[in-house]
Amino acid sequence: MFVATDDQGIAGFYSLSTYTLSLSDLPTDLARKLPRYEALPAALVGRLARAERVRRQGVGELLIADALRRTLSAAQSVAVYAILVDSKDERGSAFYKRFGFQPFPSRPSRLFLLAETAAKALRRLG
């Protein structure tokens, strides 16, 4: 669990864990380009949340950026094909889509971002 704090206490948090992704979960056009492995290594960003008092202050953006950086750092030693998140509602999905996450065809509340796409985005940010 990773926690962001400020003078008033916990401002937000998230967790990271390993995950196994099935080729059949991916959009067909993406799955077609991959070798026929039974499972693909992934990282799952667990419940990412921020306190109401810091709403619209960029804390959520900082948390997802930190999760991506930590995942990509780990990916230097351990294979990670994609980073997954679960959104609890449409507003959450819209938040993740702003960062390039795409919904799984069979489960729209679960979204993914290819690790290579995340790496390119973070390099652009500096």
N, C-alpha and C. Protein backbone atom coordinates (compact mmCIF):
# COMPACT_ATOMS: atom_id res chain seq x y z
N MET A 1 0.85 -1.17 0.00
CA MET A 1 0.00 0.00 0.00
C MET A 1 0.89 1.23 0.00
N PHE A 2 0.57 2.17 -0.86
CA PHE A 2 1.29 3.43 -0.95
C PHE A 2 0.32 4.53 -0.55
N VAL A 3 0.80 5.42 0.32
CA VAL A 3 -0.06 6.43 0.91
C VAL A 3 0.54 7.82 0.70
N ALA A 4 -0.30 8.76 0.30
CA ALA A 4 0.09 10.16 0.19
C ALA A 4 -0.52 10.90 1.38
N THR A 5 0.30 11.69 2.04
CA THR A 5 -0.19 12.43 3.21
C THR A 5 0.06 13.93 3.03
N ASP A 6 -0.68 14.69 3.81
CA ASP A 6 -0.45 16.12 3.90
C ASP A 6 -0.59 16.52 5.36
N ASP A 7 -0.67 17.79 5.64
CA ASP A 7 -0.76 18.28 7.02
C ASP A 7 -1.98 17.76 7.77
N GLN A 8 -3.01 17.38 7.03
CA GLN A 8 -4.26 16.94 7.66
C GLN A 8 -4.39 15.42 7.74
N GLY A 9 -3.42 14.70 7.23
CA GLY A 9 -3.47 13.23 7.30
C GLY A 9 -3.36 12.59 5.94
N ILE A 10 -4.10 11.52 5.73
CA ILE A 10 -4.04 10.78 4.48
C ILE A 10 -4.78 11.54 3.39
N ALA A 11 -4.07 11.81 2.29
CA ALA A 11 -4.66 12.51 1.16
C ALA A 11 -5.10 11.53 0.06
N GLY A 12 -4.47 10.36 0.03
CA GLY A 12 -4.82 9.36 -0.96
C GLY A 12 -3.98 8.11 -0.78
N PHE A 13 -4.33 7.07 -1.54
CA PHE A 13 -3.58 5.81 -1.45
C PHE A 13 -3.88 4.94 -2.67
N TYR A 14 -3.03 3.93 -2.84
CA TYR A 14 -3.27 2.88 -3.83
C TYR A 14 -2.42 1.69 -3.46
N SER A 15 -2.70 0.56 -4.08
CA SER A 15 -1.87 -0.62 -3.89
C SER A 15 -1.48 -1.17 -5.25
N LEU A 16 -0.41 -1.95 -5.26
CA LEU A 16 0.05 -2.61 -6.48
C LEU A 16 0.20 -4.10 -6.21
N SER A 17 -0.16 -4.90 -7.19
CA SER A 17 0.06 -6.34 -7.08
C SER A 17 0.30 -6.92 -8.47
N THR A 18 0.85 -8.10 -8.49
CA THR A 18 1.03 -8.78 -9.77
C THR A 18 -0.29 -9.38 -10.20
N TYR A 19 -0.40 -9.61 -11.50
CA TYR A 19 -1.65 -10.11 -12.05
C TYR A 19 -1.32 -10.92 -13.30
N THR A 20 -2.15 -11.88 -13.61
CA THR A 20 -1.99 -12.67 -14.82
C THR A 20 -3.15 -12.36 -15.75
N LEU A 21 -2.82 -11.97 -16.94
CA LEU A 21 -3.79 -11.56 -17.94
C LEU A 21 -3.91 -12.64 -19.01
N SER A 22 -5.12 -12.98 -19.39
CA SER A 22 -5.35 -13.96 -20.44
C SER A 22 -5.44 -13.25 -21.79
N LEU A 23 -4.90 -13.90 -22.82
CA LEU A 23 -5.01 -13.33 -24.17
C LEU A 23 -6.46 -13.08 -24.55
N SER A 24 -7.35 -13.96 -24.10
CA SER A 24 -8.76 -13.83 -24.47
C SER A 24 -9.41 -12.60 -23.84
N ASP A 25 -8.78 -12.01 -22.83
CA ASP A 25 -9.31 -10.79 -22.21
C ASP A 25 -9.06 -9.55 -23.06
N LEU A 26 -8.02 -9.60 -23.88
CA LEU A 26 -7.61 -8.43 -24.65
C LEU A 26 -8.47 -8.22 -25.89
N PRO A 27 -8.52 -7.00 -26.38
CA PRO A 27 -9.19 -6.76 -27.65
C PRO A 27 -8.54 -7.62 -28.74
N THR A 28 -9.33 -8.13 -29.65
CA THR A 28 -8.86 -9.06 -30.68
C THR A 28 -7.70 -8.51 -31.49
N ASP A 29 -7.76 -7.24 -31.89
CA ASP A 29 -6.69 -6.67 -32.71
C ASP A 29 -5.35 -6.65 -31.97
N LEU A 30 -5.38 -6.50 -30.66
CA LEU A 30 -4.16 -6.51 -29.86
C LEU A 30 -3.70 -7.94 -29.62
N ALA A 31 -4.61 -8.83 -29.27
CA ALA A 31 -4.27 -10.23 -28.99
C ALA A 31 -3.65 -10.91 -30.21
N ARG A 32 -4.12 -10.56 -31.39
CA ARG A 32 -3.61 -11.15 -32.63
C ARG A 32 -2.12 -10.91 -32.83
N LYS A 33 -1.61 -9.83 -32.31
CA LYS A 33 -0.21 -9.45 -32.50
C LYS A 33 0.74 -10.15 -31.52
N LEU A 34 0.18 -10.87 -30.55
CA LEU A 34 0.99 -11.45 -29.49
C LEU A 34 1.21 -12.94 -29.69
N PRO A 35 2.33 -13.45 -29.13
CA PRO A 35 2.53 -14.90 -29.15
C PRO A 35 1.42 -15.59 -28.35
N ARG A 36 1.15 -16.80 -28.63
CA ARG A 36 0.06 -17.54 -27.99
C ARG A 36 0.45 -18.10 -26.62
N TYR A 37 0.81 -17.23 -25.72
CA TYR A 37 1.09 -17.63 -24.34
C TYR A 37 -0.23 -17.84 -23.60
N GLU A 38 -0.21 -18.73 -22.62
CA GLU A 38 -1.42 -18.95 -21.82
C GLU A 38 -1.76 -17.73 -20.98
N ALA A 39 -0.71 -17.07 -20.50
CA ALA A 39 -0.93 -15.92 -19.61
C ALA A 39 0.13 -14.86 -19.88
N LEU A 40 -0.27 -13.63 -19.66
CA LEU A 40 0.65 -12.50 -19.80
C LEU A 40 0.83 -11.82 -18.45
N PRO A 41 2.06 -11.45 -18.11
CA PRO A 41 2.28 -10.79 -16.82
C PRO A 41 1.77 -9.36 -16.84
N ALA A 42 1.15 -8.98 -15.75
CA ALA A 42 0.60 -7.63 -15.63
C ALA A 42 0.73 -7.16 -14.19
N ALA A 43 0.43 -5.89 -14.01
CA ALA A 43 0.38 -5.30 -12.67
C ALA A 43 -1.02 -4.74 -12.48
N LEU A 44 -1.54 -4.90 -11.30
CA LEU A 44 -2.88 -4.40 -10.98
C LEU A 44 -2.75 -3.28 -9.95
N VAL A 45 -3.23 -2.10 -10.32
CA VAL A 45 -3.30 -1.00 -9.37
C VAL A 45 -4.59 -1.22 -8.59
N GLY A 46 -4.43 -1.54 -7.32
CA GLY A 46 -5.61 -1.79 -6.50
C GLY A 46 -6.31 -0.48 -6.18
N ARG A 47 -7.28 -0.54 -5.42
CA ARG A 47 -8.10 0.62 -5.05
C ARG A 47 -7.26 1.89 -4.93
N LEU A 48 -7.44 2.78 -5.88
CA LEU A 48 -6.78 4.08 -5.85
C LEU A 48 -7.85 5.09 -5.43
N ALA A 49 -7.56 5.83 -4.39
CA ALA A 49 -8.56 6.79 -3.88
C ALA A 49 -7.85 8.00 -3.29
N ARG A 50 -8.58 9.09 -3.27
CA ARG A 50 -8.06 10.30 -2.65
C ARG A 50 -9.15 10.87 -1.74
N ALA A 51 -8.73 11.61 -0.76
CA ALA A 51 -9.67 12.21 0.20
C ALA A 51 -10.50 13.28 -0.50
N GLU A 52 -11.75 13.41 -0.08
CA GLU A 52 -12.64 14.45 -0.64
C GLU A 52 -12.05 15.84 -0.48
N ARG A 53 -11.36 16.09 0.62
CA ARG A 53 -10.84 17.43 0.88
C ARG A 53 -9.76 17.86 -0.11
N VAL A 54 -9.19 16.91 -0.86
CA VAL A 54 -8.17 17.27 -1.84
C VAL A 54 -8.70 17.10 -3.27
N ARG A 55 -10.00 17.03 -3.38
CA ARG A 55 -10.62 16.89 -4.70
C ARG A 55 -10.22 18.07 -5.59
N ARG A 56 -9.94 17.76 -6.84
CA ARG A 56 -9.55 18.75 -7.86
C ARG A 56 -8.21 19.44 -7.57
N GLN A 57 -7.37 18.79 -6.78
CA GLN A 57 -6.04 19.34 -6.49
C GLN A 57 -4.93 18.53 -7.15
N GLY A 58 -5.28 17.56 -7.99
CA GLY A 58 -4.29 16.78 -8.71
C GLY A 58 -3.72 15.59 -7.95
N VAL A 59 -4.28 15.27 -6.80
CA VAL A 59 -3.76 14.15 -6.01
C VAL A 59 -3.96 12.82 -6.74
N GLY A 60 -5.12 12.63 -7.35
CA GLY A 60 -5.37 11.40 -8.11
C GLY A 60 -4.37 11.23 -9.24
N GLU A 61 -4.08 12.32 -9.94
CA GLU A 61 -3.10 12.29 -11.03
C GLU A 61 -1.71 11.94 -10.50
N LEU A 62 -1.34 12.51 -9.36
CA LEU A 62 -0.04 12.18 -8.77
C LEU A 62 0.02 10.71 -8.36
N LEU A 63 -1.07 10.19 -7.82
CA LEU A 63 -1.09 8.80 -7.40
C LEU A 63 -0.95 7.84 -8.59
N ILE A 64 -1.71 8.09 -9.68
CA ILE A 64 -1.61 7.19 -10.82
C ILE A 64 -0.23 7.30 -11.48
N ALA A 65 0.33 8.51 -11.52
CA ALA A 65 1.68 8.67 -12.08
C ALA A 65 2.70 7.91 -11.24
N ASP A 66 2.55 7.97 -9.92
CA ASP A 66 3.46 7.24 -9.03
C ASP A 66 3.31 5.74 -9.23
N ALA A 67 2.08 5.27 -9.37
CA ALA A 67 1.84 3.83 -9.59
C ALA A 67 2.48 3.38 -10.90
N LEU A 68 2.35 4.19 -11.94
CA LEU A 68 2.96 3.84 -13.23
C LEU A 68 4.48 3.81 -13.11
N ARG A 69 5.05 4.81 -12.46
CA ARG A 69 6.51 4.85 -12.30
C ARG A 69 7.02 3.64 -11.50
N ARG A 70 6.34 3.31 -10.42
CA ARG A 70 6.76 2.16 -9.62
C ARG A 70 6.65 0.86 -10.41
N THR A 71 5.57 0.73 -11.16
CA THR A 71 5.37 -0.48 -11.96
C THR A 71 6.46 -0.59 -13.02
N LEU A 72 6.74 0.48 -13.71
CA LEU A 72 7.75 0.45 -14.77
C LEU A 72 9.15 0.23 -14.19
N SER A 73 9.39 0.72 -12.99
CA SER A 73 10.66 0.46 -12.33
C SER A 73 10.79 -1.04 -12.03
N ALA A 74 9.73 -1.64 -11.53
CA ALA A 74 9.74 -3.08 -11.27
C ALA A 74 9.88 -3.86 -12.57
N ALA A 75 9.31 -3.33 -13.65
CA ALA A 75 9.34 -4.02 -14.95
C ALA A 75 10.75 -4.11 -15.53
N GLN A 76 11.69 -3.42 -14.95
CA GLN A 76 13.08 -3.57 -15.37
C GLN A 76 13.64 -4.91 -14.92
N SER A 77 13.02 -5.51 -13.91
CA SER A 77 13.46 -6.80 -13.38
C SER A 77 12.44 -7.91 -13.59
N VAL A 78 11.18 -7.55 -13.62
CA VAL A 78 10.10 -8.53 -13.72
C VAL A 78 9.21 -8.12 -14.90
N ALA A 79 8.86 -9.08 -15.73
CA ALA A 79 8.06 -8.76 -16.92
C ALA A 79 6.68 -8.21 -16.54
N VAL A 80 6.31 -7.15 -17.22
CA VAL A 80 4.97 -6.55 -17.08
C VAL A 80 4.53 -6.13 -18.48
N TYR A 81 3.47 -6.76 -18.98
CA TYR A 81 2.96 -6.42 -20.29
C TYR A 81 1.99 -5.24 -20.23
N ALA A 82 1.17 -5.23 -19.19
CA ALA A 82 0.14 -4.20 -19.07
C ALA A 82 -0.10 -3.85 -17.61
N ILE A 83 -0.70 -2.69 -17.41
CA ILE A 83 -1.07 -2.22 -16.08
C ILE A 83 -2.59 -2.12 -16.07
N LEU A 84 -3.22 -2.74 -15.08
CA LEU A 84 -4.67 -2.81 -15.00
C LEU A 84 -5.20 -1.99 -13.84
N VAL A 85 -6.40 -1.48 -14.01
CA VAL A 85 -7.12 -0.78 -12.95
C VAL A 85 -8.59 -1.18 -13.01
N ASP A 86 -9.26 -1.08 -11.90
CA ASP A 86 -10.71 -1.28 -11.85
C ASP A 86 -11.33 0.05 -11.46
N SER A 87 -12.34 0.47 -12.21
CA SER A 87 -13.04 1.70 -11.84
C SER A 87 -14.37 1.33 -11.23
N LYS A 88 -14.79 2.11 -10.25
CA LYS A 88 -16.06 1.78 -9.59
C LYS A 88 -17.26 2.40 -10.29
N ASP A 89 -17.00 3.37 -11.19
CA ASP A 89 -18.11 4.01 -11.90
C ASP A 89 -17.59 4.69 -13.16
N GLU A 90 -18.49 5.33 -13.89
CA GLU A 90 -18.12 6.00 -15.14
C GLU A 90 -17.14 7.15 -14.91
N ARG A 91 -17.30 7.87 -13.82
CA ARG A 91 -16.37 8.97 -13.51
C ARG A 91 -14.95 8.44 -13.32
N GLY A 92 -14.85 7.29 -12.64
CA GLY A 92 -13.55 6.66 -12.47
C GLY A 92 -12.96 6.20 -13.79
N SER A 93 -13.80 5.61 -14.64
CA SER A 93 -13.34 5.18 -15.96
C SER A 93 -12.83 6.36 -16.77
N ALA A 94 -13.57 7.47 -16.73
CA ALA A 94 -13.16 8.67 -17.46
C ALA A 94 -11.81 9.18 -16.96
N PHE A 95 -11.58 9.11 -15.65
CA PHE A 95 -10.30 9.52 -15.08
C PHE A 95 -9.17 8.70 -15.68
N TYR A 96 -9.31 7.38 -15.68
CA TYR A 96 -8.25 6.52 -16.20
C TYR A 96 -8.08 6.66 -17.71
N LYS A 97 -9.15 6.86 -18.43
CA LYS A 97 -9.07 7.02 -19.88
C LYS A 97 -8.25 8.25 -20.26
N ARG A 98 -8.27 9.28 -19.41
CA ARG A 98 -7.46 10.47 -19.67
C ARG A 98 -5.97 10.14 -19.74
N PHE A 99 -5.57 9.06 -19.10
CA PHE A 99 -4.17 8.65 -19.08
C PHE A 99 -3.87 7.57 -20.12
N GLY A 100 -4.85 7.25 -20.95
CA GLY A 100 -4.65 6.27 -22.02
C GLY A 100 -5.12 4.87 -21.72
N PHE A 101 -5.70 4.65 -20.55
CA PHE A 101 -6.23 3.32 -20.24
C PHE A 101 -7.42 3.02 -21.15
N GLN A 102 -7.55 1.76 -21.54
CA GLN A 102 -8.65 1.31 -22.40
C GLN A 102 -9.45 0.24 -21.67
N PRO A 103 -10.75 0.21 -21.84
CA PRO A 103 -11.54 -0.84 -21.19
C PRO A 103 -11.37 -2.19 -21.89
N PHE A 104 -11.47 -3.26 -21.12
CA PHE A 104 -11.50 -4.59 -21.70
C PHE A 104 -12.87 -4.78 -22.37
N PRO A 105 -12.91 -5.42 -23.52
CA PRO A 105 -14.19 -5.60 -24.22
C PRO A 105 -15.26 -6.30 -23.38
N SER A 106 -14.85 -7.31 -22.62
CA SER A 106 -15.84 -8.08 -21.87
C SER A 106 -16.11 -7.53 -20.47
N ARG A 107 -15.33 -6.55 -20.05
CA ARG A 107 -15.47 -6.02 -18.69
C ARG A 107 -15.09 -4.53 -18.69
N PRO A 108 -16.01 -3.66 -19.07
CA PRO A 108 -15.68 -2.24 -19.24
C PRO A 108 -15.21 -1.52 -17.99
N SER A 109 -15.49 -2.04 -16.80
CA SER A 109 -15.03 -1.37 -15.59
C SER A 109 -13.58 -1.72 -15.26
N ARG A 110 -13.01 -2.69 -15.97
CA ARG A 110 -11.57 -3.00 -15.84
C ARG A 110 -10.88 -2.42 -17.06
N LEU A 111 -9.86 -1.62 -16.82
CA LEU A 111 -9.15 -0.96 -17.91
C LEU A 111 -7.69 -1.35 -17.88
N PHE A 112 -7.02 -1.20 -19.03
CA PHE A 112 -5.61 -1.54 -19.10
C PHE A 112 -4.84 -0.49 -19.88
N LEU A 113 -3.56 -0.44 -19.60
CA LEU A 113 -2.61 0.41 -20.30
C LEU A 113 -1.39 -0.44 -20.55
N LEU A 114 -0.95 -0.56 -21.80
CA LEU A 114 0.25 -1.32 -22.10
C LEU A 114 1.44 -0.67 -21.41
N ALA A 115 2.32 -1.48 -20.86
CA ALA A 115 3.49 -0.95 -20.16
C ALA A 115 4.34 -0.08 -21.09
N GLU A 116 4.47 -0.48 -22.35
CA GLU A 116 5.27 0.32 -23.29
C GLU A 116 4.63 1.69 -23.54
N THR A 117 3.32 1.76 -23.54
CA THR A 117 2.63 3.04 -23.70
C THR A 117 2.84 3.91 -22.47
N ALA A 118 2.78 3.32 -21.29
CA ALA A 118 3.02 4.07 -20.06
C ALA A 118 4.44 4.61 -20.02
N ALA A 119 5.39 3.80 -20.46
CA ALA A 119 6.80 4.24 -20.46
C ALA A 119 6.99 5.43 -21.39
N LYS A 120 6.39 5.38 -22.57
CA LYS A 120 6.50 6.49 -23.51
C LYS A 120 5.89 7.76 -22.93
N ALA A 121 4.74 7.62 -22.30
CA ALA A 121 4.06 8.78 -21.72
C ALA A 121 4.89 9.41 -20.60
N LEU A 122 5.46 8.57 -19.76
CA LEU A 122 6.26 9.10 -18.65
C LEU A 122 7.55 9.75 -19.16
N ARG A 123 8.12 9.22 -20.22
CA ARG A 123 9.32 9.84 -20.80
C ARG A 123 9.00 11.24 -21.32
N ARG A 124 7.82 11.39 -21.91
CA ARG A 124 7.41 12.71 -22.41
C ARG A 124 7.24 13.70 -21.27
N LEU A 125 6.78 13.20 -20.12
CA LEU A 125 6.58 14.09 -18.96
C LEU A 125 7.89 14.48 -18.30
N GLY A 126 8.89 13.66 -18.51
CA GLY A 126 10.21 14.00 -17.95
C GLY A 126 10.51 13.32 -16.72
